[in-house]
Amino acid sequence: MITWSYSSIKTFDQCPKKYYHLKVAKDVKDSGSDATVYGQEVHKAAEDYIKFGTPIPAKFKFIEPTVASLNNIPGEKHTEIRLGIKKTDAGYEPCGFFDKDVWWRGIADLLIVDRGRGWLVDYKTSKSAKYADTMQLDLLAGAAFLHFPQLKRIKSALAYVVCEAFPKKTHDAAKRDAYIEVFSDELERLAGAHESGVWNAKTGPLCGWCPVTSCEHYNRRR
């Protein structure tokens, strides 16, 4: 069984060879970048503000209006909540993030549950929302419906806190499985690669930032 996440399926879509080295052979590690570290710091500042009431650090004050507005929404707040889904003969079931039979893993930056209503937010630190992928919200909403069966509707958003853009969606519990299956085509291709052992490289503008430096398409950025 393949255990996957939104980030891993996007890595496979970007370049099967990169996915192979990071997730299958595991002979390469991605240490991230300055942008990755910056994003992690922003997420931590938002989490600590909502979870503990910790003041936002001065260098991240620009996120405070957004985070304070979210904090004012009534309901039970879950920050950086880890969600797991397993597949059974009966369909999809909630499970622990590290369970042996976990099929999908995801982390919701903020989930607010107020009886049958929910709010789901994923923070982004990109300078533009041009390539926003709201399918990530579909996955998280599907998992939230599984873990919190009292939820009937979820309002979700990608919160681009730098450029102040907020692509939004509304999710209904009746469509839960469709949200979970939003990457079915990609998963089928991933399963095919596992079965055939063929992991062809894709070239693109990000090749210079790829940790797989042994690839014939790698060209160190300048």
N, C-alpha and C. Protein backbone atom coordinates (compact mmCIF):
# COMPACT_ATOMS: atom_id res chain seq x y z
N MET A 1 0.83 -1.20 0.00
CA MET A 1 0.00 0.00 0.00
C MET A 1 0.87 1.26 0.00
N ILE A 2 0.50 2.24 -0.81
CA ILE A 2 1.23 3.49 -0.88
C ILE A 2 0.63 4.48 0.12
N THR A 3 1.46 4.99 1.00
CA THR A 3 1.03 6.06 1.90
C THR A 3 1.47 7.39 1.28
N TRP A 4 0.53 8.32 1.19
CA TRP A 4 0.83 9.55 0.48
C TRP A 4 0.30 10.78 1.21
N SER A 5 0.71 11.93 0.71
CA SER A 5 0.25 13.21 1.23
C SER A 5 0.10 14.16 0.04
N TYR A 6 -0.45 15.32 0.29
CA TYR A 6 -0.56 16.32 -0.78
C TYR A 6 0.82 16.67 -1.32
N SER A 7 1.77 16.91 -0.44
CA SER A 7 3.11 17.32 -0.88
C SER A 7 3.80 16.21 -1.66
N SER A 8 3.60 14.95 -1.27
CA SER A 8 4.28 13.87 -1.98
C SER A 8 3.69 13.66 -3.37
N ILE A 9 2.37 13.79 -3.50
CA ILE A 9 1.77 13.60 -4.82
C ILE A 9 2.14 14.75 -5.74
N LYS A 10 2.33 15.95 -5.17
CA LYS A 10 2.77 17.08 -5.99
C LYS A 10 4.23 16.93 -6.40
N THR A 11 5.04 16.31 -5.53
CA THR A 11 6.43 16.02 -5.89
C THR A 11 6.48 15.04 -7.04
N PHE A 12 5.66 14.00 -6.98
CA PHE A 12 5.60 13.03 -8.07
C PHE A 12 5.16 13.69 -9.36
N ASP A 13 4.16 14.56 -9.28
CA ASP A 13 3.66 15.25 -10.47
C ASP A 13 4.74 16.16 -11.05
N GLN A 14 5.52 16.78 -10.17
CA GLN A 14 6.61 17.66 -10.62
C GLN A 14 7.70 16.87 -11.32
N CYS A 15 8.11 15.75 -10.70
CA CYS A 15 9.17 14.92 -11.30
C CYS A 15 9.18 13.54 -10.64
N PRO A 16 8.79 12.49 -11.37
CA PRO A 16 8.82 11.14 -10.81
C PRO A 16 10.19 10.73 -10.29
N LYS A 17 11.26 11.15 -10.97
CA LYS A 17 12.61 10.78 -10.53
C LYS A 17 12.92 11.39 -9.17
N LYS A 18 12.53 12.64 -8.97
CA LYS A 18 12.73 13.30 -7.68
C LYS A 18 11.96 12.56 -6.59
N TYR A 19 10.72 12.20 -6.91
CA TYR A 19 9.90 11.43 -5.95
C TYR A 19 10.60 10.13 -5.57
N TYR A 20 11.11 9.44 -6.58
CA TYR A 20 11.76 8.15 -6.33
C TYR A 20 12.90 8.29 -5.33
N HIS A 21 13.76 9.26 -5.54
CA HIS A 21 14.93 9.39 -4.66
C HIS A 21 14.55 9.86 -3.26
N LEU A 22 13.51 10.69 -3.16
CA LEU A 22 13.11 11.20 -1.85
C LEU A 22 12.25 10.22 -1.07
N LYS A 23 11.34 9.50 -1.76
CA LYS A 23 10.32 8.72 -1.09
C LYS A 23 10.47 7.21 -1.19
N VAL A 24 11.15 6.74 -2.23
CA VAL A 24 11.28 5.29 -2.43
C VAL A 24 12.68 4.82 -2.06
N ALA A 25 13.68 5.26 -2.81
CA ALA A 25 15.06 4.88 -2.49
C ALA A 25 15.53 5.55 -1.21
N LYS A 26 15.04 6.76 -0.97
CA LYS A 26 15.40 7.55 0.22
C LYS A 26 16.92 7.72 0.34
N ASP A 27 17.57 7.90 -0.81
CA ASP A 27 19.01 8.12 -0.82
C ASP A 27 19.37 9.60 -0.97
N VAL A 28 18.34 10.45 -0.97
CA VAL A 28 18.53 11.90 -1.05
C VAL A 28 17.60 12.55 -0.03
N LYS A 29 18.11 13.59 0.63
CA LYS A 29 17.28 14.35 1.56
C LYS A 29 17.13 15.78 1.06
N ASP A 30 15.94 16.32 1.26
CA ASP A 30 15.69 17.71 0.87
C ASP A 30 15.78 18.57 2.12
N SER A 31 16.85 19.33 2.23
CA SER A 31 17.07 20.15 3.42
C SER A 31 16.27 21.44 3.40
N GLY A 32 15.53 21.67 2.31
CA GLY A 32 14.72 22.87 2.23
C GLY A 32 15.53 24.08 1.79
N SER A 33 14.91 25.25 1.92
CA SER A 33 15.53 26.49 1.48
C SER A 33 15.22 27.58 2.49
N ASP A 34 15.75 28.77 2.23
CA ASP A 34 15.45 29.91 3.10
C ASP A 34 13.95 30.18 3.11
N ALA A 35 13.30 29.99 1.96
CA ALA A 35 11.85 30.20 1.88
C ALA A 35 11.10 29.18 2.73
N THR A 36 11.62 27.95 2.76
CA THR A 36 11.00 26.91 3.58
C THR A 36 11.09 27.26 5.06
N VAL A 37 12.26 27.68 5.50
CA VAL A 37 12.46 28.06 6.90
C VAL A 37 11.57 29.24 7.27
N TYR A 38 11.48 30.21 6.38
CA TYR A 38 10.64 31.39 6.61
C TYR A 38 9.17 30.96 6.78
N GLY A 39 8.72 30.08 5.91
CA GLY A 39 7.35 29.59 6.00
C GLY A 39 7.07 28.87 7.31
N GLN A 40 8.04 28.08 7.75
CA GLN A 40 7.88 27.37 9.02
C GLN A 40 7.78 28.34 10.19
N GLU A 41 8.55 29.41 10.14
CA GLU A 41 8.51 30.41 11.22
C GLU A 41 7.18 31.14 11.25
N VAL A 42 6.64 31.45 10.09
CA VAL A 42 5.33 32.10 10.02
C VAL A 42 4.25 31.18 10.57
N HIS A 43 4.29 29.92 10.19
CA HIS A 43 3.31 28.95 10.70
C HIS A 43 3.39 28.85 12.22
N LYS A 44 4.60 28.83 12.75
CA LYS A 44 4.77 28.71 14.21
C LYS A 44 4.23 29.95 14.92
N ALA A 45 4.46 31.11 14.35
CA ALA A 45 3.96 32.35 14.95
C ALA A 45 2.44 32.35 14.98
N ALA A 46 1.81 31.91 13.90
CA ALA A 46 0.35 31.85 13.84
C ALA A 46 -0.20 30.82 14.81
N GLU A 47 0.46 29.66 14.88
CA GLU A 47 0.03 28.60 15.79
C GLU A 47 0.11 29.06 17.25
N ASP A 48 1.23 29.64 17.63
CA ASP A 48 1.41 30.06 19.02
C ASP A 48 0.46 31.18 19.41
N TYR A 49 0.13 32.05 18.47
CA TYR A 49 -0.81 33.13 18.75
C TYR A 49 -2.19 32.58 19.08
N ILE A 50 -2.65 31.63 18.28
CA ILE A 50 -3.99 31.08 18.49
C ILE A 50 -4.03 30.07 19.63
N LYS A 51 -2.99 29.26 19.74
CA LYS A 51 -3.00 28.19 20.74
C LYS A 51 -2.67 28.69 22.14
N PHE A 52 -1.71 29.63 22.23
CA PHE A 52 -1.25 30.06 23.55
C PHE A 52 -1.44 31.56 23.81
N GLY A 53 -1.86 32.31 22.81
CA GLY A 53 -1.98 33.75 22.97
C GLY A 53 -0.63 34.45 22.93
N THR A 54 0.39 33.78 22.39
CA THR A 54 1.72 34.37 22.29
C THR A 54 1.71 35.52 21.29
N PRO A 55 2.22 36.68 21.65
CA PRO A 55 2.26 37.81 20.71
C PRO A 55 3.01 37.46 19.43
N ILE A 56 2.54 37.98 18.32
CA ILE A 56 3.22 37.77 17.05
C ILE A 56 4.56 38.50 17.07
N PRO A 57 5.68 37.85 16.73
CA PRO A 57 6.97 38.55 16.66
C PRO A 57 6.90 39.75 15.72
N ALA A 58 7.68 40.77 16.03
CA ALA A 58 7.64 42.02 15.27
C ALA A 58 7.82 41.80 13.77
N LYS A 59 8.72 40.89 13.38
CA LYS A 59 8.98 40.72 11.95
C LYS A 59 7.83 40.05 11.20
N PHE A 60 6.87 39.49 11.96
CA PHE A 60 5.72 38.86 11.33
C PHE A 60 4.41 39.60 11.65
N LYS A 61 4.49 40.84 12.09
CA LYS A 61 3.31 41.59 12.49
C LYS A 61 2.28 41.70 11.38
N PHE A 62 2.75 41.60 10.15
CA PHE A 62 1.83 41.74 9.01
C PHE A 62 0.78 40.63 8.96
N ILE A 63 1.02 39.49 9.64
CA ILE A 63 0.04 38.41 9.63
C ILE A 63 -1.01 38.57 10.73
N GLU A 64 -0.77 39.49 11.66
CA GLU A 64 -1.65 39.59 12.83
C GLU A 64 -3.11 39.89 12.49
N PRO A 65 -3.42 40.82 11.56
CA PRO A 65 -4.84 41.05 11.26
C PRO A 65 -5.56 39.78 10.79
N THR A 66 -4.90 39.00 9.95
CA THR A 66 -5.51 37.77 9.45
C THR A 66 -5.69 36.76 10.57
N VAL A 67 -4.63 36.54 11.35
CA VAL A 67 -4.68 35.53 12.41
C VAL A 67 -5.65 35.95 13.52
N ALA A 68 -5.67 37.23 13.85
CA ALA A 68 -6.58 37.71 14.89
C ALA A 68 -8.04 37.55 14.45
N SER A 69 -8.30 37.79 13.17
CA SER A 69 -9.65 37.62 12.65
C SER A 69 -10.08 36.16 12.73
N LEU A 70 -9.18 35.26 12.41
CA LEU A 70 -9.49 33.83 12.52
C LEU A 70 -9.70 33.43 13.98
N ASN A 71 -8.91 34.00 14.86
CA ASN A 71 -9.01 33.67 16.28
C ASN A 71 -10.34 34.12 16.88
N ASN A 72 -10.97 35.10 16.25
CA ASN A 72 -12.24 35.61 16.75
C ASN A 72 -13.44 34.76 16.32
N ILE A 73 -13.20 33.81 15.42
CA ILE A 73 -14.30 32.92 15.01
C ILE A 73 -14.61 31.97 16.17
N PRO A 74 -15.87 31.86 16.55
CA PRO A 74 -16.21 30.97 17.67
C PRO A 74 -16.02 29.50 17.30
N GLY A 75 -15.69 28.71 18.30
CA GLY A 75 -15.55 27.27 18.08
C GLY A 75 -14.27 26.72 18.68
N GLU A 76 -14.16 25.42 18.63
CA GLU A 76 -12.98 24.71 19.13
C GLU A 76 -11.88 24.80 18.09
N LYS A 77 -10.74 25.32 18.49
CA LYS A 77 -9.66 25.58 17.53
C LYS A 77 -8.57 24.50 17.64
N HIS A 78 -8.22 23.96 16.49
CA HIS A 78 -7.18 22.94 16.38
C HIS A 78 -6.08 23.50 15.49
N THR A 79 -4.88 23.66 16.03
CA THR A 79 -3.76 24.19 15.26
C THR A 79 -2.79 23.08 14.90
N GLU A 80 -2.33 23.12 13.65
CA GLU A 80 -1.38 22.11 13.16
C GLU A 80 -1.87 20.70 13.50
N ILE A 81 -3.13 20.45 13.21
CA ILE A 81 -3.74 19.17 13.56
C ILE A 81 -3.38 18.11 12.51
N ARG A 82 -2.86 16.99 12.99
CA ARG A 82 -2.45 15.89 12.11
C ARG A 82 -3.64 14.95 11.88
N LEU A 83 -3.92 14.70 10.61
CA LEU A 83 -5.06 13.87 10.24
C LEU A 83 -4.60 12.70 9.39
N GLY A 84 -5.19 11.54 9.64
CA GLY A 84 -4.88 10.35 8.86
C GLY A 84 -6.15 9.71 8.33
N ILE A 85 -6.04 9.06 7.19
CA ILE A 85 -7.16 8.32 6.59
C ILE A 85 -6.66 6.93 6.23
N LYS A 86 -7.47 5.93 6.52
CA LYS A 86 -7.17 4.58 6.06
C LYS A 86 -8.30 4.08 5.17
N LYS A 87 -7.95 3.17 4.26
CA LYS A 87 -8.94 2.58 3.36
C LYS A 87 -9.31 1.19 3.86
N THR A 88 -10.59 0.91 3.88
CA THR A 88 -11.08 -0.41 4.27
C THR A 88 -12.06 -0.89 3.20
N ASP A 89 -12.55 -2.11 3.37
CA ASP A 89 -13.55 -2.63 2.43
C ASP A 89 -14.82 -1.78 2.44
N ALA A 90 -15.06 -1.13 3.58
CA ALA A 90 -16.28 -0.32 3.71
C ALA A 90 -16.08 1.11 3.20
N GLY A 91 -14.84 1.48 2.91
CA GLY A 91 -14.58 2.84 2.43
C GLY A 91 -13.44 3.50 3.19
N TYR A 92 -13.63 4.75 3.54
CA TYR A 92 -12.61 5.52 4.24
C TYR A 92 -12.93 5.66 5.72
N GLU A 93 -11.89 5.58 6.53
CA GLU A 93 -12.06 5.74 7.98
C GLU A 93 -10.95 6.63 8.52
N PRO A 94 -11.25 7.36 9.62
CA PRO A 94 -10.20 8.17 10.24
C PRO A 94 -9.20 7.28 10.95
N CYS A 95 -7.95 7.71 11.02
CA CYS A 95 -6.95 6.95 11.76
C CYS A 95 -5.86 7.89 12.23
N GLY A 96 -4.94 7.35 13.02
CA GLY A 96 -3.83 8.15 13.52
C GLY A 96 -2.83 8.46 12.42
N PHE A 97 -2.16 9.57 12.59
CA PHE A 97 -1.19 10.06 11.60
C PHE A 97 -0.09 9.05 11.34
N PHE A 98 0.32 8.32 12.38
CA PHE A 98 1.42 7.37 12.25
C PHE A 98 0.96 5.91 12.33
N ASP A 99 -0.32 5.65 12.18
CA ASP A 99 -0.81 4.28 12.21
C ASP A 99 -0.19 3.47 11.07
N LYS A 100 0.01 2.19 11.30
CA LYS A 100 0.64 1.34 10.30
C LYS A 100 -0.19 1.23 9.02
N ASP A 101 -1.51 1.33 9.16
CA ASP A 101 -2.37 1.18 7.99
C ASP A 101 -2.85 2.53 7.43
N VAL A 102 -2.16 3.61 7.79
CA VAL A 102 -2.55 4.92 7.27
C VAL A 102 -2.33 4.95 5.76
N TRP A 103 -3.31 5.50 5.04
CA TRP A 103 -3.24 5.59 3.58
C TRP A 103 -2.87 7.01 3.14
N TRP A 104 -3.42 8.00 3.82
CA TRP A 104 -3.14 9.40 3.52
C TRP A 104 -2.85 10.15 4.81
N ARG A 105 -1.92 11.09 4.74
CA ARG A 105 -1.59 11.94 5.87
C ARG A 105 -1.68 13.41 5.45
N GLY A 106 -2.19 14.24 6.36
CA GLY A 106 -2.22 15.67 6.09
C GLY A 106 -2.24 16.46 7.39
N ILE A 107 -1.79 17.70 7.33
CA ILE A 107 -1.79 18.58 8.49
C ILE A 107 -2.56 19.84 8.14
N ALA A 108 -3.59 20.13 8.93
CA ALA A 108 -4.36 21.35 8.75
C ALA A 108 -3.75 22.43 9.65
N ASP A 109 -3.38 23.56 9.07
CA ASP A 109 -2.78 24.63 9.87
C ASP A 109 -3.75 25.13 10.93
N LEU A 110 -5.01 25.27 10.56
CA LEU A 110 -6.03 25.68 11.51
C LEU A 110 -7.37 25.08 11.12
N LEU A 111 -8.00 24.41 12.06
CA LEU A 111 -9.34 23.87 11.89
C LEU A 111 -10.19 24.35 13.07
N ILE A 112 -11.28 25.02 12.78
CA ILE A 112 -12.20 25.49 13.81
C ILE A 112 -13.50 24.71 13.68
N VAL A 113 -13.94 24.11 14.77
CA VAL A 113 -15.16 23.30 14.77
C VAL A 113 -16.18 23.93 15.71
N ASP A 114 -17.30 24.32 15.16
CA ASP A 114 -18.39 24.89 15.95
C ASP A 114 -19.67 24.14 15.61
N ARG A 115 -19.88 23.04 16.35
CA ARG A 115 -21.01 22.14 16.09
C ARG A 115 -20.96 21.64 14.65
N GLY A 116 -21.95 21.98 13.82
CA GLY A 116 -21.96 21.47 12.46
C GLY A 116 -21.18 22.31 11.47
N ARG A 117 -20.60 23.40 11.94
CA ARG A 117 -19.88 24.31 11.05
C ARG A 117 -18.37 24.21 11.28
N GLY A 118 -17.62 24.35 10.22
CA GLY A 118 -16.17 24.31 10.34
C GLY A 118 -15.49 25.36 9.48
N TRP A 119 -14.30 25.77 9.90
CA TRP A 119 -13.46 26.68 9.14
C TRP A 119 -12.08 26.05 9.04
N LEU A 120 -11.54 26.02 7.84
CA LEU A 120 -10.28 25.34 7.58
C LEU A 120 -9.35 26.31 6.85
N VAL A 121 -8.13 26.48 7.40
CA VAL A 121 -7.20 27.45 6.82
C VAL A 121 -5.82 26.82 6.65
N ASP A 122 -5.22 27.08 5.49
CA ASP A 122 -3.83 26.69 5.26
C ASP A 122 -3.06 27.96 4.91
N TYR A 123 -2.07 28.28 5.74
CA TYR A 123 -1.29 29.50 5.52
C TYR A 123 -0.27 29.30 4.39
N LYS A 124 -0.11 30.34 3.57
CA LYS A 124 0.87 30.33 2.49
C LYS A 124 1.71 31.60 2.59
N THR A 125 3.00 31.47 2.32
CA THR A 125 3.88 32.64 2.40
C THR A 125 4.44 33.03 1.04
N SER A 126 3.88 32.50 -0.02
CA SER A 126 4.28 32.91 -1.37
C SER A 126 3.90 34.37 -1.60
N LYS A 127 4.63 35.02 -2.49
CA LYS A 127 4.36 36.42 -2.78
C LYS A 127 3.22 36.61 -3.79
N SER A 128 2.72 35.50 -4.32
CA SER A 128 1.63 35.56 -5.28
C SER A 128 0.73 34.33 -5.12
N ALA A 129 -0.57 34.53 -5.35
CA ALA A 129 -1.52 33.42 -5.28
C ALA A 129 -1.88 32.93 -6.68
N LYS A 130 -1.06 33.30 -7.67
CA LYS A 130 -1.36 32.99 -9.07
C LYS A 130 -1.52 31.49 -9.28
N TYR A 131 -0.71 30.70 -8.62
CA TYR A 131 -0.75 29.25 -8.83
C TYR A 131 -1.38 28.51 -7.64
N ALA A 132 -2.30 29.17 -6.98
CA ALA A 132 -2.97 28.56 -5.83
C ALA A 132 -3.66 27.25 -6.23
N ASP A 133 -3.47 26.23 -5.43
CA ASP A 133 -4.06 24.92 -5.70
C ASP A 133 -5.05 24.60 -4.58
N THR A 134 -6.32 24.86 -4.81
CA THR A 134 -7.33 24.64 -3.78
C THR A 134 -7.71 23.17 -3.64
N MET A 135 -7.14 22.31 -4.48
CA MET A 135 -7.40 20.87 -4.30
C MET A 135 -6.83 20.39 -2.97
N GLN A 136 -5.83 21.08 -2.47
CA GLN A 136 -5.29 20.76 -1.14
C GLN A 136 -6.38 20.93 -0.09
N LEU A 137 -7.21 21.96 -0.25
CA LEU A 137 -8.31 22.19 0.68
C LEU A 137 -9.35 21.08 0.60
N ASP A 138 -9.57 20.55 -0.61
CA ASP A 138 -10.50 19.43 -0.75
C ASP A 138 -10.07 18.25 0.11
N LEU A 139 -8.79 17.90 0.00
CA LEU A 139 -8.26 16.77 0.77
C LEU A 139 -8.44 16.99 2.27
N LEU A 140 -8.05 18.16 2.73
CA LEU A 140 -8.13 18.46 4.17
C LEU A 140 -9.57 18.47 4.65
N ALA A 141 -10.46 19.01 3.83
CA ALA A 141 -11.88 19.03 4.22
C ALA A 141 -12.44 17.61 4.30
N GLY A 142 -12.08 16.77 3.33
CA GLY A 142 -12.54 15.38 3.37
C GLY A 142 -12.09 14.68 4.63
N ALA A 143 -10.84 14.89 5.01
CA ALA A 143 -10.32 14.29 6.24
C ALA A 143 -10.99 14.87 7.47
N ALA A 144 -11.27 16.17 7.47
CA ALA A 144 -11.93 16.80 8.62
C ALA A 144 -13.33 16.23 8.81
N PHE A 145 -14.03 16.00 7.71
CA PHE A 145 -15.37 15.40 7.82
C PHE A 145 -15.30 14.00 8.44
N LEU A 146 -14.23 13.26 8.12
CA LEU A 146 -14.07 11.93 8.70
C LEU A 146 -13.79 11.99 10.19
N HIS A 147 -12.89 12.88 10.59
CA HIS A 147 -12.46 12.97 11.99
C HIS A 147 -13.47 13.69 12.87
N PHE A 148 -14.28 14.54 12.27
CA PHE A 148 -15.28 15.29 13.04
C PHE A 148 -16.64 15.12 12.35
N PRO A 149 -17.27 13.96 12.55
CA PRO A 149 -18.50 13.63 11.81
C PRO A 149 -19.66 14.57 12.09
N GLN A 150 -19.55 15.40 13.12
CA GLN A 150 -20.61 16.37 13.37
C GLN A 150 -20.62 17.50 12.37
N LEU A 151 -19.51 17.67 11.66
CA LEU A 151 -19.42 18.75 10.69
C LEU A 151 -20.30 18.48 9.47
N LYS A 152 -21.05 19.48 9.08
CA LYS A 152 -21.91 19.39 7.91
C LYS A 152 -21.38 20.25 6.76
N ARG A 153 -20.74 21.34 7.10
CA ARG A 153 -20.21 22.25 6.09
C ARG A 153 -18.92 22.88 6.60
N ILE A 154 -17.97 23.05 5.69
CA ILE A 154 -16.69 23.66 6.04
C ILE A 154 -16.39 24.79 5.06
N LYS A 155 -16.07 25.95 5.59
CA LYS A 155 -15.56 27.04 4.77
C LYS A 155 -14.04 27.01 4.87
N SER A 156 -13.39 26.92 3.74
CA SER A 156 -11.93 26.77 3.74
C SER A 156 -11.27 27.85 2.90
N ALA A 157 -10.00 28.09 3.19
CA ALA A 157 -9.26 29.11 2.45
C ALA A 157 -7.76 28.85 2.51
N LEU A 158 -7.08 29.24 1.45
CA LEU A 158 -5.63 29.35 1.44
C LEU A 158 -5.31 30.79 1.80
N ALA A 159 -4.69 30.99 2.94
CA ALA A 159 -4.42 32.35 3.42
C ALA A 159 -3.01 32.78 3.00
N TYR A 160 -2.92 33.51 1.90
CA TYR A 160 -1.64 34.04 1.45
C TYR A 160 -1.36 35.32 2.24
N VAL A 161 -0.67 35.15 3.35
CA VAL A 161 -0.53 36.24 4.31
C VAL A 161 0.41 37.35 3.85
N VAL A 162 1.26 37.07 2.88
CA VAL A 162 2.19 38.08 2.38
C VAL A 162 1.50 39.00 1.37
N CYS A 163 0.82 38.40 0.40
CA CYS A 163 0.16 39.19 -0.64
C CYS A 163 -1.31 39.45 -0.34
N GLU A 164 -1.78 38.96 0.80
CA GLU A 164 -3.15 39.20 1.25
C GLU A 164 -4.19 38.74 0.22
N ALA A 165 -4.02 37.50 -0.22
CA ALA A 165 -4.99 36.86 -1.11
C ALA A 165 -5.56 35.65 -0.39
N PHE A 166 -6.85 35.36 -0.63
CA PHE A 166 -7.50 34.29 0.14
C PHE A 166 -8.43 33.46 -0.76
N PRO A 167 -7.86 32.61 -1.62
CA PRO A 167 -8.71 31.70 -2.41
C PRO A 167 -9.55 30.84 -1.47
N LYS A 168 -10.86 30.79 -1.74
CA LYS A 168 -11.78 30.15 -0.80
C LYS A 168 -12.60 29.05 -1.46
N LYS A 169 -13.10 28.16 -0.63
CA LYS A 169 -14.01 27.11 -1.07
C LYS A 169 -15.01 26.83 0.06
N THR A 170 -16.14 26.25 -0.32
CA THR A 170 -17.10 25.75 0.65
C THR A 170 -17.30 24.26 0.39
N HIS A 171 -17.18 23.46 1.44
CA HIS A 171 -17.28 22.01 1.32
C HIS A 171 -18.49 21.48 2.08
N ASP A 172 -19.17 20.50 1.48
CA ASP A 172 -20.33 19.87 2.10
C ASP A 172 -20.02 18.42 2.44
N ALA A 173 -20.51 17.98 3.61
CA ALA A 173 -20.21 16.63 4.09
C ALA A 173 -20.68 15.56 3.12
N ALA A 174 -21.75 15.83 2.37
CA ALA A 174 -22.29 14.83 1.45
C ALA A 174 -21.31 14.49 0.33
N LYS A 175 -20.35 15.36 0.08
CA LYS A 175 -19.37 15.14 -0.99
C LYS A 175 -18.01 14.71 -0.43
N ARG A 176 -17.99 14.25 0.80
CA ARG A 176 -16.74 13.91 1.48
C ARG A 176 -15.82 13.01 0.66
N ASP A 177 -16.33 11.90 0.15
CA ASP A 177 -15.48 10.95 -0.55
C ASP A 177 -14.92 11.55 -1.85
N ALA A 178 -15.70 12.38 -2.50
CA ALA A 178 -15.22 13.02 -3.73
C ALA A 178 -14.03 13.93 -3.44
N TYR A 179 -14.05 14.58 -2.29
CA TYR A 179 -12.91 15.42 -1.90
C TYR A 179 -11.67 14.57 -1.66
N ILE A 180 -11.86 13.44 -0.99
CA ILE A 180 -10.74 12.56 -0.68
C ILE A 180 -10.14 11.97 -1.95
N GLU A 181 -10.97 11.79 -2.98
CA GLU A 181 -10.54 11.13 -4.21
C GLU A 181 -10.11 12.12 -5.30
N VAL A 182 -9.88 13.37 -4.91
CA VAL A 182 -9.59 14.41 -5.90
C VAL A 182 -8.30 14.15 -6.68
N PHE A 183 -7.39 13.37 -6.11
CA PHE A 183 -6.13 13.07 -6.81
C PHE A 183 -6.09 11.61 -7.30
N SER A 184 -7.24 11.05 -7.61
CA SER A 184 -7.30 9.64 -8.02
C SER A 184 -6.46 9.36 -9.26
N ASP A 185 -6.50 10.25 -10.23
CA ASP A 185 -5.73 10.03 -11.47
C ASP A 185 -4.23 10.02 -11.18
N GLU A 186 -3.79 10.98 -10.36
CA GLU A 186 -2.37 11.05 -10.02
C GLU A 186 -1.94 9.81 -9.23
N LEU A 187 -2.80 9.34 -8.34
CA LEU A 187 -2.48 8.16 -7.55
C LEU A 187 -2.39 6.92 -8.42
N GLU A 188 -3.21 6.88 -9.46
CA GLU A 188 -3.15 5.75 -10.39
C GLU A 188 -1.81 5.74 -11.12
N ARG A 189 -1.35 6.91 -11.55
CA ARG A 189 -0.05 7.00 -12.22
C ARG A 189 1.08 6.66 -11.25
N LEU A 190 0.95 7.09 -9.99
CA LEU A 190 1.96 6.77 -8.99
C LEU A 190 2.03 5.27 -8.75
N ALA A 191 0.88 4.62 -8.66
CA ALA A 191 0.85 3.17 -8.47
C ALA A 191 1.50 2.47 -9.66
N GLY A 192 1.26 3.01 -10.87
CA GLY A 192 1.86 2.42 -12.06
C GLY A 192 3.37 2.53 -12.04
N ALA A 193 3.89 3.65 -11.56
CA ALA A 193 5.33 3.83 -11.47
C ALA A 193 5.93 2.85 -10.46
N HIS A 194 5.26 2.66 -9.33
CA HIS A 194 5.73 1.69 -8.34
C HIS A 194 5.76 0.29 -8.93
N GLU A 195 4.73 -0.05 -9.71
CA GLU A 195 4.63 -1.39 -10.27
C GLU A 195 5.67 -1.63 -11.36
N SER A 196 5.88 -0.63 -12.21
CA SER A 196 6.80 -0.79 -13.34
C SER A 196 8.25 -0.51 -12.97
N GLY A 197 8.45 0.29 -11.92
CA GLY A 197 9.80 0.68 -11.55
C GLY A 197 10.38 1.76 -12.45
N VAL A 198 9.52 2.39 -13.24
CA VAL A 198 9.96 3.44 -14.16
C VAL A 198 9.69 4.80 -13.54
N TRP A 199 10.75 5.57 -13.34
CA TRP A 199 10.64 6.88 -12.71
C TRP A 199 11.34 7.91 -13.59
N ASN A 200 10.69 8.29 -14.66
CA ASN A 200 11.32 9.20 -15.61
C ASN A 200 11.42 10.62 -15.06
N ALA A 201 12.53 11.26 -15.35
CA ALA A 201 12.74 12.63 -14.91
C ALA A 201 11.95 13.61 -15.77
N LYS A 202 11.53 14.71 -15.17
CA LYS A 202 10.91 15.81 -15.89
C LYS A 202 11.80 17.04 -15.75
N THR A 203 11.98 17.75 -16.84
CA THR A 203 12.75 18.98 -16.76
C THR A 203 11.81 20.15 -16.50
N GLY A 204 12.33 21.17 -15.84
CA GLY A 204 11.53 22.34 -15.53
C GLY A 204 12.37 23.43 -14.93
N PRO A 205 11.74 24.58 -14.66
CA PRO A 205 12.48 25.73 -14.13
C PRO A 205 13.03 25.53 -12.72
N LEU A 206 12.56 24.49 -12.02
CA LEU A 206 13.02 24.26 -10.65
C LEU A 206 14.15 23.24 -10.57
N CYS A 207 14.64 22.77 -11.70
CA CYS A 207 15.70 21.75 -11.69
C CYS A 207 16.95 22.24 -10.94
N GLY A 208 17.22 23.53 -10.99
CA GLY A 208 18.40 24.05 -10.31
C GLY A 208 18.29 24.03 -8.80
N TRP A 209 17.07 23.84 -8.28
CA TRP A 209 16.87 23.79 -6.83
C TRP A 209 16.63 22.34 -6.36
N CYS A 210 16.70 21.39 -7.26
CA CYS A 210 16.39 20.00 -6.92
C CYS A 210 17.52 19.38 -6.10
N PRO A 211 17.18 18.63 -5.06
CA PRO A 211 18.22 17.98 -4.25
C PRO A 211 18.84 16.76 -4.93
N VAL A 212 18.22 16.30 -6.04
CA VAL A 212 18.76 15.13 -6.75
C VAL A 212 19.82 15.64 -7.74
N THR A 213 20.99 15.91 -7.21
CA THR A 213 22.05 16.52 -8.02
C THR A 213 22.68 15.55 -9.01
N SER A 214 22.41 14.25 -8.86
CA SER A 214 22.96 13.26 -9.78
C SER A 214 22.14 13.17 -11.07
N CYS A 215 20.99 13.81 -11.11
CA CYS A 215 20.12 13.75 -12.29
C CYS A 215 20.79 14.44 -13.47
N GLU A 216 20.59 13.88 -14.65
CA GLU A 216 21.20 14.45 -15.85
C GLU A 216 20.66 15.84 -16.19
N HIS A 217 19.49 16.17 -15.63
CA HIS A 217 18.88 17.47 -15.91
C HIS A 217 19.22 18.52 -14.86
N TYR A 218 19.95 18.11 -13.84
CA TYR A 218 20.29 19.08 -12.79
C TYR A 218 21.24 20.13 -13.33
N ASN A 219 20.94 21.36 -13.05
CA ASN A 219 21.77 22.49 -13.48
C ASN A 219 21.79 23.49 -12.35
N ARG A 220 22.88 23.51 -11.63
CA ARG A 220 22.95 24.35 -10.43
C ARG A 220 22.55 25.78 -10.75
N ARG A 221 21.63 26.32 -9.93
CA ARG A 221 21.17 27.71 -10.12
C ARG A 221 22.33 28.68 -9.89
N ARG A 222 22.22 29.81 -10.55
CA ARG A 222 23.29 30.81 -10.44
C ARG A 222 22.71 32.12 -9.87
